[in-house]
Amino acid sequence: MHEETIGASGALELIRTSSAEARSRLKDWSSALNDEVKRRPWRTLSIALGAGYLLGGGLFSRLTLRLASIGVRLALPIGLKLLSEDAVSIGTGVERLDSTPDKGSDRATRRNVDARRKRT
């Protein structure tokens, strides 16, 4: 195994170039982060709060358990309803129409479904 040996001046030059490169990358990262904070301050604040909460040991706290259980109670009926509607539409071969369409898109959606029915 052949190892290249460098002198003290070579090592010093390697350290200088490495530190200059690291400073340049840190400066780029810092300016990108600063731009992100200016463009989306609420998003950045939310991410920072969430990360601080998790790093502070909040993941396995009683508050997290309560919030998760409330979220499951709210989301479960909606998810079950969507799953049952999809199961019915798969069984009948008819696509499910969105229950809350945008204005004007309901007619277009119905026309698309009717056109597909005529093709089959």
PDB file of N, CA and C in Angstrom:
ATOM      1  N   MET A   1       0.844  -1.166   0.000  1.00  0.00           N
ATOM      2  CA  MET A   1       0.000   0.000   0.000  1.00  0.00           C
ATOM      3  C   MET A   1       0.894   1.235   0.000  1.00  0.00           C
ATOM      4  N   HIS A   2       0.690   2.105  -0.973  1.00  0.00           N
ATOM      5  CA  HIS A   2       1.530   3.284  -1.123  1.00  0.00           C
ATOM      6  C   HIS A   2       0.777   4.511  -0.633  1.00  0.00           C
ATOM      7  N   GLU A   3       1.318   5.170   0.340  1.00  0.00           N
ATOM      8  CA  GLU A   3       0.702   6.391   0.855  1.00  0.00           C
ATOM      9  C   GLU A   3       1.565   7.571   0.483  1.00  0.00           C
ATOM     10  N   GLU A   4       0.884   8.621  -0.002  1.00  0.00           N
ATOM     11  CA  GLU A   4       1.624   9.815  -0.380  1.00  0.00           C
ATOM     12  C   GLU A   4       1.823  10.677   0.856  1.00  0.00           C
ATOM     13  N   THR A   5       3.035  11.088   1.082  1.00  0.00           N
ATOM     14  CA  THR A   5       3.310  11.951   2.219  1.00  0.00           C
ATOM     15  C   THR A   5       3.449  13.371   1.728  1.00  0.00           C
ATOM     16  N   ILE A   6       2.862  14.271   2.475  1.00  0.00           N
ATOM     17  CA  ILE A   6       2.967  15.684   2.125  1.00  0.00           C
ATOM     18  C   ILE A   6       3.655  16.399   3.266  1.00  0.00           C
ATOM     19  N   GLY A   7       4.342  17.450   2.904  1.00  0.00           N
ATOM     20  CA  GLY A   7       5.061  18.206   3.917  1.00  0.00           C
ATOM     21  C   GLY A   7       4.127  19.130   4.669  1.00  0.00           C
ATOM     22  N   ALA A   8       4.710  19.872   5.593  1.00  0.00           N
ATOM     23  CA  ALA A   8       3.930  20.801   6.405  1.00  0.00           C
ATOM     24  C   ALA A   8       3.309  21.898   5.549  1.00  0.00           C
ATOM     25  N   SER A   9       4.032  22.344   4.535  1.00  0.00           N
ATOM     26  CA  SER A   9       3.482  23.402   3.680  1.00  0.00           C
ATOM     27  C   SER A   9       2.326  22.873   2.847  1.00  0.00           C
ATOM     28  N   GLY A  10       2.419  21.625   2.399  1.00  0.00           N
ATOM     29  CA  GLY A  10       1.315  21.017   1.639  1.00  0.00           C
ATOM     30  C   GLY A  10       0.084  20.824   2.502  1.00  0.00           C
ATOM     31  N   ALA A  11       0.293  20.419   3.743  1.00  0.00           N
ATOM     32  CA  ALA A  11      -0.836  20.233   4.652  1.00  0.00           C
ATOM     33  C   ALA A  11      -1.501  21.564   4.958  1.00  0.00           C
ATOM     34  N   LEU A  12      -0.682  22.600   5.138  1.00  0.00           N
ATOM     35  CA  LEU A  12      -1.227  23.931   5.412  1.00  0.00           C
ATOM     36  C   LEU A  12      -2.043  24.440   4.226  1.00  0.00           C
ATOM     37  N   GLU A  13      -1.568  24.193   3.025  1.00  0.00           N
ATOM     38  CA  GLU A  13      -2.297  24.612   1.824  1.00  0.00           C
ATOM     39  C   GLU A  13      -3.610  23.834   1.689  1.00  0.00           C
ATOM     40  N   LEU A  14      -3.583  22.567   2.004  1.00  0.00           N
ATOM     41  CA  LEU A  14      -4.797  21.751   1.955  1.00  0.00           C
ATOM     42  C   LEU A  14      -5.826  22.256   2.962  1.00  0.00           C
ATOM     43  N   ILE A  15      -5.384  22.620   4.141  1.00  0.00           N
ATOM     44  CA  ILE A  15      -6.287  23.164   5.160  1.00  0.00           C
ATOM     45  C   ILE A  15      -6.872  24.490   4.699  1.00  0.00           C
ATOM     46  N   ARG A  16      -6.038  25.332   4.080  1.00  0.00           N
ATOM     47  CA  ARG A  16      -6.530  26.636   3.597  1.00  0.00           C
ATOM     48  C   ARG A  16      -7.600  26.471   2.524  1.00  0.00           C
ATOM     49  N   THR A  17      -7.352  25.607   1.553  1.00  0.00           N
ATOM     50  CA  THR A  17      -8.338  25.429   0.484  1.00  0.00           C
ATOM     51  C   THR A  17      -9.610  24.778   1.018  1.00  0.00           C
ATOM     52  N   SER A  18      -9.466  23.835   1.929  1.00  0.00           N
ATOM     53  CA  SER A  18     -10.650  23.181   2.500  1.00  0.00           C
ATOM     54  C   SER A  18     -11.479  24.152   3.309  1.00  0.00           C
ATOM     55  N   SER A  19     -10.823  25.003   4.087  1.00  0.00           N
ATOM     56  CA  SER A  19     -11.579  25.966   4.894  1.00  0.00           C
ATOM     57  C   SER A  19     -12.226  27.031   4.018  1.00  0.00           C
ATOM     58  N   ALA A  20     -11.562  27.439   2.936  1.00  0.00           N
ATOM     59  CA  ALA A  20     -12.162  28.412   2.015  1.00  0.00           C
ATOM     60  C   ALA A  20     -13.398  27.818   1.337  1.00  0.00           C
ATOM     61  N   GLU A  21     -13.292  26.554   0.951  1.00  0.00           N
ATOM     62  CA  GLU A  21     -14.436  25.878   0.326  1.00  0.00           C
ATOM     63  C   GLU A  21     -15.590  25.724   1.318  1.00  0.00           C
ATOM     64  N   ALA A  22     -15.267  25.374   2.560  1.00  0.00           N
ATOM     65  CA  ALA A  22     -16.303  25.229   3.586  1.00  0.00           C
ATOM     66  C   ALA A  22     -16.975  26.568   3.868  1.00  0.00           C
ATOM     67  N   ARG A  23     -16.181  27.667   3.931  1.00  0.00           N
ATOM     68  CA  ARG A  23     -16.767  29.002   4.145  1.00  0.00           C
ATOM     69  C   ARG A  23     -17.684  29.385   2.996  1.00  0.00           C
ATOM     70  N   SER A  24     -17.273  29.063   1.766  1.00  0.00           N
ATOM     71  CA  SER A  24     -18.093  29.380   0.594  1.00  0.00           C
ATOM     72  C   SER A  24     -19.417  28.618   0.631  1.00  0.00           C
ATOM     73  N   ARG A  25     -19.364  27.349   0.957  1.00  0.00           N
ATOM     74  CA  ARG A  25     -20.596  26.552   1.044  1.00  0.00           C
ATOM     75  C   ARG A  25     -21.506  27.047   2.164  1.00  0.00           C
ATOM     76  N   LEU A  26     -20.912  27.407   3.298  1.00  0.00           N
ATOM     77  CA  LEU A  26     -21.697  27.917   4.416  1.00  0.00           C
ATOM     78  C   LEU A  26     -22.363  29.237   4.064  1.00  0.00           C
ATOM     79  N   LYS A  27     -21.638  30.088   3.335  1.00  0.00           N
ATOM     80  CA  LYS A  27     -22.203  31.375   2.912  1.00  0.00           C
ATOM     81  C   LYS A  27     -23.374  31.156   1.947  1.00  0.00           C
ATOM     82  N   ASP A  28     -23.217  30.223   0.996  1.00  0.00           N
ATOM     83  CA  ASP A  28     -24.306  29.914   0.060  1.00  0.00           C
ATOM     84  C   ASP A  28     -25.523  29.364   0.794  1.00  0.00           C
ATOM     85  N   TRP A  29     -25.284  28.446   1.723  1.00  0.00           N
ATOM     86  CA  TRP A  29     -26.378  27.855   2.490  1.00  0.00           C
ATOM     87  C   TRP A  29     -27.082  28.915   3.328  1.00  0.00           C
ATOM     88  N   SER A  30     -26.317  29.800   3.931  1.00  0.00           N
ATOM     89  CA  SER A  30     -26.881  30.856   4.762  1.00  0.00           C
ATOM     90  C   SER A  30     -27.741  31.812   3.943  1.00  0.00           C
ATOM     91  N   SER A  31     -27.266  32.181   2.757  1.00  0.00           N
ATOM     92  CA  SER A  31     -28.067  33.092   1.922  1.00  0.00           C
ATOM     93  C   SER A  31     -29.328  32.400   1.410  1.00  0.00           C
ATOM     94  N   ALA A  32     -29.247  31.116   1.095  1.00  0.00           N
ATOM     95  CA  ALA A  32     -30.441  30.377   0.658  1.00  0.00           C
ATOM     96  C   ALA A  32     -31.459  30.288   1.787  1.00  0.00           C
ATOM     97  N   LEU A  33     -30.990  30.034   2.994  1.00  0.00           N
ATOM     98  CA  LEU A  33     -31.887  29.970   4.147  1.00  0.00           C
ATOM     99  C   LEU A  33     -32.516  31.338   4.420  1.00  0.00           C
ATOM    100  N   ASN A  34     -31.729  32.388   4.311  1.00  0.00           N
ATOM    101  CA  ASN A  34     -32.237  33.740   4.519  1.00  0.00           C
ATOM    102  C   ASN A  34     -33.315  34.085   3.488  1.00  0.00           C
ATOM    103  N   ASP A  35     -33.094  33.712   2.223  1.00  0.00           N
ATOM    104  CA  ASP A  35     -34.102  33.944   1.181  1.00  0.00           C
ATOM    105  C   ASP A  35     -35.385  33.178   1.474  1.00  0.00           C
ATOM    106  N   GLU A  36     -35.256  31.942   1.930  1.00  0.00           N
ATOM    107  CA  GLU A  36     -36.438  31.130   2.252  1.00  0.00           C
ATOM    108  C   GLU A  36     -37.239  31.752   3.393  1.00  0.00           C
ATOM    109  N   VAL A  37     -36.554  32.259   4.400  1.00  0.00           N
ATOM    110  CA  VAL A  37     -37.242  32.903   5.527  1.00  0.00           C
ATOM    111  C   VAL A  37     -37.975  34.147   5.054  1.00  0.00           C
ATOM    112  N   LYS A  38     -37.377  34.902   4.151  1.00  0.00           N
ATOM    113  CA  LYS A  38     -38.029  36.117   3.639  1.00  0.00           C
ATOM    114  C   LYS A  38     -39.229  35.791   2.764  1.00  0.00           C
ATOM    115  N   ARG A  39     -39.135  34.705   1.972  1.00  0.00           N
ATOM    116  CA  ARG A  39     -40.240  34.354   1.082  1.00  0.00           C
ATOM    117  C   ARG A  39     -41.401  33.689   1.817  1.00  0.00           C
ATOM    118  N   ARG A  40     -41.101  32.814   2.767  1.00  0.00           N
ATOM    119  CA  ARG A  40     -42.141  32.043   3.459  1.00  0.00           C
ATOM    120  C   ARG A  40     -41.898  32.062   4.967  1.00  0.00           C
ATOM    121  N   PRO A  41     -42.176  33.195   5.613  1.00  0.00           N
ATOM    122  CA  PRO A  41     -41.865  33.285   7.047  1.00  0.00           C
ATOM    123  C   PRO A  41     -42.712  32.355   7.908  1.00  0.00           C
ATOM    124  N   TRP A  42     -43.996  32.189   7.596  1.00  0.00           N
ATOM    125  CA  TRP A  42     -44.857  31.340   8.432  1.00  0.00           C
ATOM    126  C   TRP A  42     -44.479  29.879   8.309  1.00  0.00           C
ATOM    127  N   ARG A  43     -44.141  29.473   7.105  1.00  0.00           N
ATOM    128  CA  ARG A  43     -43.722  28.084   6.897  1.00  0.00           C
ATOM    129  C   ARG A  43     -42.427  27.805   7.665  1.00  0.00           C
ATOM    130  N   THR A  44     -41.497  28.738   7.562  1.00  0.00           N
ATOM    131  CA  THR A  44     -40.226  28.565   8.256  1.00  0.00           C
ATOM    132  C   THR A  44     -40.416  28.522   9.762  1.00  0.00           C
ATOM    133  N   LEU A  45     -41.276  29.393  10.279  1.00  0.00           N
ATOM    134  CA  LEU A  45     -41.549  29.402  11.710  1.00  0.00           C
ATOM    135  C   LEU A  45     -42.212  28.094  12.148  1.00  0.00           C
ATOM    136  N   SER A  46     -43.137  27.602  11.348  1.00  0.00           N
ATOM    137  CA  SER A  46     -43.810  26.343  11.686  1.00  0.00           C
ATOM    138  C   SER A  46     -42.832  25.168  11.712  1.00  0.00           C
ATOM    139  N   ILE A  47     -41.949  25.124  10.739  1.00  0.00           N
ATOM    140  CA  ILE A  47     -40.953  24.049  10.701  1.00  0.00           C
ATOM    141  C   ILE A  47     -40.039  24.141  11.916  1.00  0.00           C
ATOM    142  N   ALA A  48     -39.618  25.362  12.258  1.00  0.00           N
ATOM    143  CA  ALA A  48     -38.725  25.537  13.413  1.00  0.00           C
ATOM    144  C   ALA A  48     -39.427  25.137  14.708  1.00  0.00           C
ATOM    145  N   LEU A  49     -40.693  25.523  14.859  1.00  0.00           N
ATOM    146  CA  LEU A  49     -41.430  25.141  16.058  1.00  0.00           C
ATOM    147  C   LEU A  49     -41.611  23.627  16.148  1.00  0.00           C
ATOM    148  N   GLY A  50     -41.956  23.006  15.034  1.00  0.00           N
ATOM    149  CA  GLY A  50     -42.129  21.559  15.023  1.00  0.00           C
ATOM    150  C   GLY A  50     -40.837  20.825  15.335  1.00  0.00           C
ATOM    151  N   ALA A  51     -39.738  21.283  14.745  1.00  0.00           N
ATOM    152  CA  ALA A  51     -38.444  20.639  15.012  1.00  0.00           C
ATOM    153  C   ALA A  51     -38.050  20.828  16.473  1.00  0.00           C
ATOM    154  N   GLY A  52     -38.268  22.019  17.007  1.00  0.00           N
ATOM    155  CA  GLY A  52     -37.946  22.261  18.413  1.00  0.00           C
ATOM    156  C   GLY A  52     -38.793  21.409  19.343  1.00  0.00           C
ATOM    157  N   TYR A  53     -40.062  21.252  18.997  1.00  0.00           N
ATOM    158  CA  TYR A  53     -40.957  20.426  19.812  1.00  0.00           C
ATOM    159  C   TYR A  53     -40.486  18.972  19.821  1.00  0.00           C
ATOM    160  N   LEU A  54     -40.146  18.453  18.635  1.00  0.00           N
ATOM    161  CA  LEU A  54     -39.696  17.063  18.554  1.00  0.00           C
ATOM    162  C   LEU A  54     -38.342  16.864  19.230  1.00  0.00           C
ATOM    163  N   LEU A  55     -37.412  17.781  18.996  1.00  0.00           N
ATOM    164  CA  LEU A  55     -36.086  17.650  19.602  1.00  0.00           C
ATOM    165  C   LEU A  55     -36.136  17.855  21.114  1.00  0.00           C
ATOM    166  N   GLY A  56     -37.129  18.598  21.577  1.00  0.00           N
ATOM    167  CA  GLY A  56     -37.280  18.828  23.007  1.00  0.00           C
ATOM    168  C   GLY A  56     -37.970  17.684  23.732  1.00  0.00           C
ATOM    169  N   GLY A  57     -38.271  16.610  23.022  1.00  0.00           N
ATOM    170  CA  GLY A  57     -38.869  15.437  23.659  1.00  0.00           C
ATOM    171  C   GLY A  57     -40.384  15.410  23.592  1.00  0.00           C
ATOM    172  N   GLY A  58     -40.970  16.199  22.722  1.00  0.00           N
ATOM    173  CA  GLY A  58     -42.418  16.269  22.633  1.00  0.00           C
ATOM    174  C   GLY A  58     -43.075  15.141  21.886  1.00  0.00           C
ATOM    175  N   LEU A  59     -42.301  14.311  21.213  1.00  0.00           N
ATOM    176  CA  LEU A  59     -42.891  13.255  20.401  1.00  0.00           C
ATOM    177  C   LEU A  59     -43.682  12.257  21.232  1.00  0.00           C
ATOM    178  N   PHE A  60     -43.181  11.909  22.408  1.00  0.00           N
ATOM    179  CA  PHE A  60     -43.859  10.910  23.231  1.00  0.00           C
ATOM    180  C   PHE A  60     -44.493  11.540  24.474  1.00  0.00           C
ATOM    181  N   SER A  61     -45.023  12.745  24.315  1.00  0.00           N
ATOM    182  CA  SER A  61     -45.651  13.414  25.454  1.00  0.00           C
ATOM    183  C   SER A  61     -47.158  13.163  25.454  1.00  0.00           C
ATOM    184  N   ARG A  62     -47.799  13.529  26.548  1.00  0.00           N
ATOM    185  CA  ARG A  62     -49.260  13.375  26.641  1.00  0.00           C
ATOM    186  C   ARG A  62     -49.971  14.288  25.649  1.00  0.00           C
ATOM    187  N   LEU A  63     -49.423  15.489  25.445  1.00  0.00           N
ATOM    188  CA  LEU A  63     -50.037  16.428  24.500  1.00  0.00           C
ATOM    189  C   LEU A  63     -50.052  15.839  23.091  1.00  0.00           C
ATOM    190  N   THR A  64     -48.944  15.245  22.674  1.00  0.00           N
ATOM    191  CA  THR A  64     -48.881  14.643  21.341  1.00  0.00           C
ATOM    192  C   THR A  64     -49.868  13.487  21.229  1.00  0.00           C
ATOM    193  N   LEU A  65     -49.987  12.698  22.267  1.00  0.00           N
ATOM    194  CA  LEU A  65     -50.943  11.593  22.262  1.00  0.00           C
ATOM    195  C   LEU A  65     -52.366  12.120  22.118  1.00  0.00           C
ATOM    196  N   ARG A  66     -52.699  13.166  22.845  1.00  0.00           N
ATOM    197  CA  ARG A  66     -54.053  13.734  22.751  1.00  0.00           C
ATOM    198  C   ARG A  66     -54.314  14.330  21.375  1.00  0.00           C
ATOM    199  N   LEU A  67     -53.342  15.079  20.848  1.00  0.00           N
ATOM    200  CA  LEU A  67     -53.520  15.672  19.523  1.00  0.00           C
ATOM    201  C   LEU A  67     -53.666  14.601  18.448  1.00  0.00           C
ATOM    202  N   ALA A  68     -52.879  13.536  18.544  1.00  0.00           N
ATOM    203  CA  ALA A  68     -52.970  12.452  17.572  1.00  0.00           C
ATOM    204  C   ALA A  68     -54.322  11.747  17.658  1.00  0.00           C
ATOM    205  N   SER A  69     -54.813  11.539  18.870  1.00  0.00           N
ATOM    206  CA  SER A  69     -56.103  10.862  19.005  1.00  0.00           C
ATOM    207  C   SER A  69     -57.238  11.733  18.475  1.00  0.00           C
ATOM    208  N   ILE A  70     -57.159  13.036  18.688  1.00  0.00           N
ATOM    209  CA  ILE A  70     -58.174  13.940  18.127  1.00  0.00           C
ATOM    210  C   ILE A  70     -58.115  13.920  16.606  1.00  0.00           C
ATOM    211  N   GLY A  71     -56.906  13.949  16.050  1.00  0.00           N
ATOM    212  CA  GLY A  71     -56.749  13.902  14.594  1.00  0.00           C
ATOM    213  C   GLY A  71     -57.307  12.630  13.992  1.00  0.00           C
ATOM    214  N   VAL A  72     -57.074  11.510  14.664  1.00  0.00           N
ATOM    215  CA  VAL A  72     -57.598  10.233  14.167  1.00  0.00           C
ATOM    216  C   VAL A  72     -59.117  10.225  14.244  1.00  0.00           C
ATOM    217  N   ARG A  73     -59.662  10.738  15.332  1.00  0.00           N
ATOM    218  CA  ARG A  73     -61.134  10.770  15.464  1.00  0.00           C
ATOM    219  C   ARG A  73     -61.773  11.637  14.393  1.00  0.00           C
ATOM    220  N   LEU A  74     -61.102  12.721  14.007  1.00  0.00           N
ATOM    221  CA  LEU A  74     -61.666  13.595  12.979  1.00  0.00           C
ATOM    222  C   LEU A  74     -61.475  13.018  11.576  1.00  0.00           C
ATOM    223  N   ALA A  75     -60.345  12.395  11.329  1.00  0.00           N
ATOM    224  CA  ALA A  75     -60.033  11.920   9.986  1.00  0.00           C
ATOM    225  C   ALA A  75     -60.625  10.554   9.675  1.00  0.00           C
ATOM    226  N   LEU A  76     -60.832   9.721  10.657  1.00  0.00           N
ATOM    227  CA  LEU A  76     -61.300   8.362  10.421  1.00  0.00           C
ATOM    228  C   LEU A  76     -62.664   8.301   9.725  1.00  0.00           C
ATOM    229  N   PRO A  77     -63.672   9.039  10.181  1.00  0.00           N
ATOM    230  CA  PRO A  77     -64.964   8.969   9.474  1.00  0.00           C
ATOM    231  C   PRO A  77     -64.872   9.433   8.024  1.00  0.00           C
ATOM    232  N   ILE A  78     -64.069  10.462   7.767  1.00  0.00           N
ATOM    233  CA  ILE A  78     -63.917  10.962   6.394  1.00  0.00           C
ATOM    234  C   ILE A  78     -63.233   9.906   5.534  1.00  0.00           C
ATOM    235  N   GLY A  79     -62.178   9.308   6.061  1.00  0.00           N
ATOM    236  CA  GLY A  79     -61.459   8.274   5.317  1.00  0.00           C
ATOM    237  C   GLY A  79     -62.320   7.058   5.039  1.00  0.00           C
ATOM    238  N   LEU A  80     -63.087   6.641   6.023  1.00  0.00           N
ATOM    239  CA  LEU A  80     -63.962   5.485   5.825  1.00  0.00           C
ATOM    240  C   LEU A  80     -65.031   5.776   4.783  1.00  0.00           C
ATOM    241  N   LYS A  81     -65.569   6.995   4.794  1.00  0.00           N
ATOM    242  CA  LYS A  81     -66.582   7.375   3.806  1.00  0.00           C
ATOM    243  C   LYS A  81     -65.989   7.335   2.397  1.00  0.00           C
ATOM    244  N   LEU A  82     -64.790   7.904   2.238  1.00  0.00           N
ATOM    245  CA  LEU A  82     -64.152   7.893   0.924  1.00  0.00           C
ATOM    246  C   LEU A  82     -63.840   6.477   0.463  1.00  0.00           C
ATOM    247  N   LEU A  83     -63.383   5.635   1.373  1.00  0.00           N
ATOM    248  CA  LEU A  83     -63.092   4.252   1.012  1.00  0.00           C
ATOM    249  C   LEU A  83     -64.351   3.499   0.602  1.00  0.00           C
ATOM    250  N   SER A  84     -65.439   3.721   1.324  1.00  0.00           N
ATOM    251  CA  SER A  84     -66.676   3.011   0.970  1.00  0.00           C
ATOM    252  C   SER A  84     -67.215   3.495  -0.370  1.00  0.00           C
ATOM    253  N   GLU A  85     -67.115   4.803  -0.643  1.00  0.00           N
ATOM    254  CA  GLU A  85     -67.569   5.315  -1.941  1.00  0.00           C
ATOM    255  C   GLU A  85     -66.719   4.752  -3.073  1.00  0.00           C
ATOM    256  N   ASP A  86     -65.409   4.660  -2.848  1.00  0.00           N
ATOM    257  CA  ASP A  86     -64.534   4.093  -3.868  1.00  0.00           C
ATOM    258  C   ASP A  86     -64.837   2.618  -4.083  1.00  0.00           C
ATOM    259  N   ALA A  87     -65.121   1.894  -3.011  1.00  0.00           N
ATOM    260  CA  ALA A  87     -65.445   0.473  -3.142  1.00  0.00           C
ATOM    261  C   ALA A  87     -66.727   0.287  -3.934  1.00  0.00           C
ATOM    262  N   VAL A  88     -67.709   1.137  -3.701  1.00  0.00           N
ATOM    263  CA  VAL A  88     -68.966   1.042  -4.442  1.00  0.00           C
ATOM    264  C   VAL A  88     -68.729   1.365  -5.910  1.00  0.00           C
ATOM    265  N   SER A  89     -67.930   2.412  -6.190  1.00  0.00           N
ATOM    266  CA  SER A  89     -67.693   2.785  -7.583  1.00  0.00           C
ATOM    267  C   SER A  89     -66.880   1.714  -8.310  1.00  0.00           C
ATOM    268  N   ILE A  90     -65.989   1.028  -7.608  1.00  0.00           N
ATOM    269  CA  ILE A  90     -65.224  -0.052  -8.229  1.00  0.00           C
ATOM    270  C   ILE A  90     -66.155  -1.230  -8.519  1.00  0.00           C
ATOM    271  N   GLY A  91     -67.049  -1.522  -7.585  1.00  0.00           N
ATOM    272  CA  GLY A  91     -67.969  -2.637  -7.769  1.00  0.00           C
ATOM    273  C   GLY A  91     -68.953  -2.416  -8.887  1.00  0.00           C
ATOM    274  N   THR A  92     -69.393  -1.180  -9.105  1.00  0.00           N
ATOM    275  CA  THR A  92     -70.362  -0.890 -10.150  1.00  0.00           C
ATOM    276  C   THR A  92     -69.712  -0.460 -11.449  1.00  0.00           C
ATOM    277  N   GLY A  93     -68.433  -0.111 -11.405  1.00  0.00           N
ATOM    278  CA  GLY A  93     -67.745   0.340 -12.614  1.00  0.00           C
ATOM    279  C   GLY A  93     -68.035   1.785 -12.947  1.00  0.00           C
ATOM    280  N   VAL A  94     -68.668   2.522 -12.055  1.00  0.00           N
ATOM    281  CA  VAL A  94     -68.999   3.919 -12.283  1.00  0.00           C
ATOM    282  C   VAL A  94     -68.064   4.770 -11.445  1.00  0.00           C
ATOM    283  N   GLU A  95     -67.514   5.820 -12.048  1.00  0.00           N
ATOM    284  CA  GLU A  95     -66.628   6.700 -11.292  1.00  0.00           C
ATOM    285  C   GLU A  95     -67.418   7.539 -10.310  1.00  0.00           C
ATOM    286  N   ARG A  96     -66.821   7.784  -9.164  1.00  0.00           N
ATOM    287  CA  ARG A  96     -67.463   8.601  -8.133  1.00  0.00           C
ATOM    288  C   ARG A  96     -67.302  10.070  -8.494  1.00  0.00           C
ATOM    289  N   LEU A  97     -68.396  10.811  -8.436  1.00  0.00           N
ATOM    290  CA  LEU A  97     -68.345  12.251  -8.658  1.00  0.00           C
ATOM    291  C   LEU A  97     -67.940  12.922  -7.360  1.00  0.00           C
ATOM    292  N   ASP A  98     -67.122  13.941  -7.465  1.00  0.00           N
ATOM    293  CA  ASP A  98     -66.666  14.677  -6.286  1.00  0.00           C
ATOM    294  C   ASP A  98     -67.870  15.298  -5.598  1.00  0.00           C
ATOM    295  N   SER A  99     -67.940  15.166  -4.269  1.00  0.00           N
ATOM    296  CA  SER A  99     -69.091  15.671  -3.530  1.00  0.00           C
ATOM    297  C   SER A  99     -69.062  17.177  -3.376  1.00  0.00           C
ATOM    298  N   THR A 100     -67.886  17.803  -3.522  1.00  0.00           N
ATOM    299  CA  THR A 100     -67.798  19.259  -3.426  1.00  0.00           C
ATOM    300  C   THR A 100     -67.055  19.807  -4.635  1.00  0.00           C
ATOM    301  N   PRO A 101     -67.714  19.839  -5.792  1.00  0.00           N
ATOM    302  CA  PRO A 101     -67.031  20.301  -7.003  1.00  0.00           C
ATOM    303  C   PRO A 101     -66.893  21.822  -7.016  1.00  0.00           C
ATOM    304  N   ASP A 102     -65.941  22.272  -7.826  1.00  0.00           N
ATOM    305  CA  ASP A 102     -65.814  23.713  -8.035  1.00  0.00           C
ATOM    306  C   ASP A 102     -66.988  24.178  -8.883  1.00  0.00           C
ATOM    307  N   LYS A 103     -67.242  25.480  -8.867  1.00  0.00           N
ATOM    308  CA  LYS A 103     -68.358  26.016  -9.653  1.00  0.00           C
ATOM    309  C   LYS A 103     -68.124  25.723 -11.134  1.00  0.00           C
ATOM    310  N   GLY A 104     -69.101  25.155 -11.770  1.00  0.00           N
ATOM    311  CA  GLY A 104     -69.032  24.892 -13.194  1.00  0.00           C
ATOM    312  C   GLY A 104     -68.374  23.576 -13.556  1.00  0.00           C
ATOM    313  N   SER A 105     -67.584  23.003 -12.665  1.00  0.00           N
ATOM    314  CA  SER A 105     -66.884  21.771 -13.025  1.00  0.00           C
ATOM    315  C   SER A 105     -67.774  20.542 -12.861  1.00  0.00           C
ATOM    316  N   ASP A 106     -68.892  20.672 -12.134  1.00  0.00           N
ATOM    317  CA  ASP A 106     -69.785  19.539 -11.927  1.00  0.00           C
ATOM    318  C   ASP A 106     -70.368  19.064 -13.250  1.00  0.00           C
ATOM    319  N   ARG A 107     -70.801  19.998 -14.087  1.00  0.00           N
ATOM    320  CA  ARG A 107     -71.375  19.619 -15.387  1.00  0.00           C
ATOM    321  C   ARG A 107     -70.325  18.958 -16.269  1.00  0.00           C
ATOM    322  N   ALA A 108     -69.122  19.503 -16.262  1.00  0.00           N
ATOM    323  CA  ALA A 108     -68.056  18.930 -17.083  1.00  0.00           C
ATOM    324  C   ALA A 108     -67.715  17.522 -16.609  1.00  0.00           C
ATOM    325  N   THR A 109     -67.683  17.313 -15.314  1.00  0.00           N
ATOM    326  CA  THR A 109     -67.388  15.993 -14.780  1.00  0.00           C
ATOM    327  C   THR A 109     -68.478  15.013 -15.171  1.00  0.00           C
ATOM    328  N   ARG A 110     -69.725  15.436 -15.059  1.00  0.00           N
ATOM    329  CA  ARG A 110     -70.840  14.562 -15.453  1.00  0.00           C
ATOM    330  C   ARG A 110     -70.786  14.238 -16.943  1.00  0.00           C
ATOM    331  N   ARG A 111     -70.427  15.241 -17.773  1.00  0.00           N
ATOM    332  CA  ARG A 111     -70.323  14.988 -19.205  1.00  0.00           C
ATOM    333  C   ARG A 111     -69.227  13.971 -19.492  1.00  0.00           C
ATOM    334  N   ASN A 112     -68.094  14.073 -18.794  1.00  0.00           N
ATOM    335  CA  ASN A 112     -67.005  13.115 -18.996  1.00  0.00           C
ATOM    336  C   ASN A 112     -67.424  11.711 -18.610  1.00  0.00           C
ATOM    337  N   VAL A 113     -68.146  11.575 -17.503  1.00  0.00           N
ATOM    338  CA  VAL A 113     -68.604  10.259 -17.065  1.00  0.00           C
ATOM    339  C   VAL A 113     -69.616   9.707 -18.063  1.00  0.00           C
ATOM    340  N   ASP A 114     -70.542  10.562 -18.531  1.00  0.00           N
ATOM    341  CA  ASP A 114     -71.529  10.114 -19.508  1.00  0.00           C
ATOM    342  C   ASP A 114     -70.859   9.684 -20.812  1.00  0.00           C
ATOM    343  N   ALA A 115     -69.836  10.423 -21.236  1.00  0.00           N
ATOM    344  CA  ALA A 115     -69.127  10.066 -22.465  1.00  0.00           C
ATOM    345  C   ALA A 115     -68.418   8.727 -22.321  1.00  0.00           C
ATOM    346  N   ARG A 116     -67.854   8.471 -21.151  1.00  0.00           N
ATOM    347  CA  ARG A 116     -67.191   7.182 -20.923  1.00  0.00           C
ATOM    348  C   ARG A 116     -68.196   6.034 -20.921  1.00  0.00           C
ATOM    349  N   ARG A 117     -69.364   6.287 -20.373  1.00  0.00           N
ATOM    350  CA  ARG A 117     -70.404   5.240 -20.351  1.00  0.00           C
ATOM    351  C   ARG A 117     -70.838   4.904 -21.775  1.00  0.00           C
ATOM    352  N   LYS A 118     -70.954   5.921 -22.629  1.00  0.00           N
ATOM    353  CA  LYS A 118     -71.392   5.677 -24.002  1.00  0.00           C
ATOM    354  C   LYS A 118     -70.359   4.886 -24.786  1.00  0.00           C
ATOM    355  N   ARG A 119     -69.076   5.091 -24.474  1.00  0.00           N
ATOM    356  CA  ARG A 119     -68.018   4.384 -25.190  1.00  0.00           C
ATOM    357  C   ARG A 119     -68.008   2.895 -24.870  1.00  0.00           C
ATOM    358  N   THR A 120     -68.465   2.528 -23.678  1.00  0.00           N
ATOM    359  CA  THR A 120     -68.383   1.115 -23.276  1.00  0.00           C
ATOM    360  C   THR A 120     -69.632   0.357 -23.612  1.00  0.00           C
TER     361      THR A 120
END
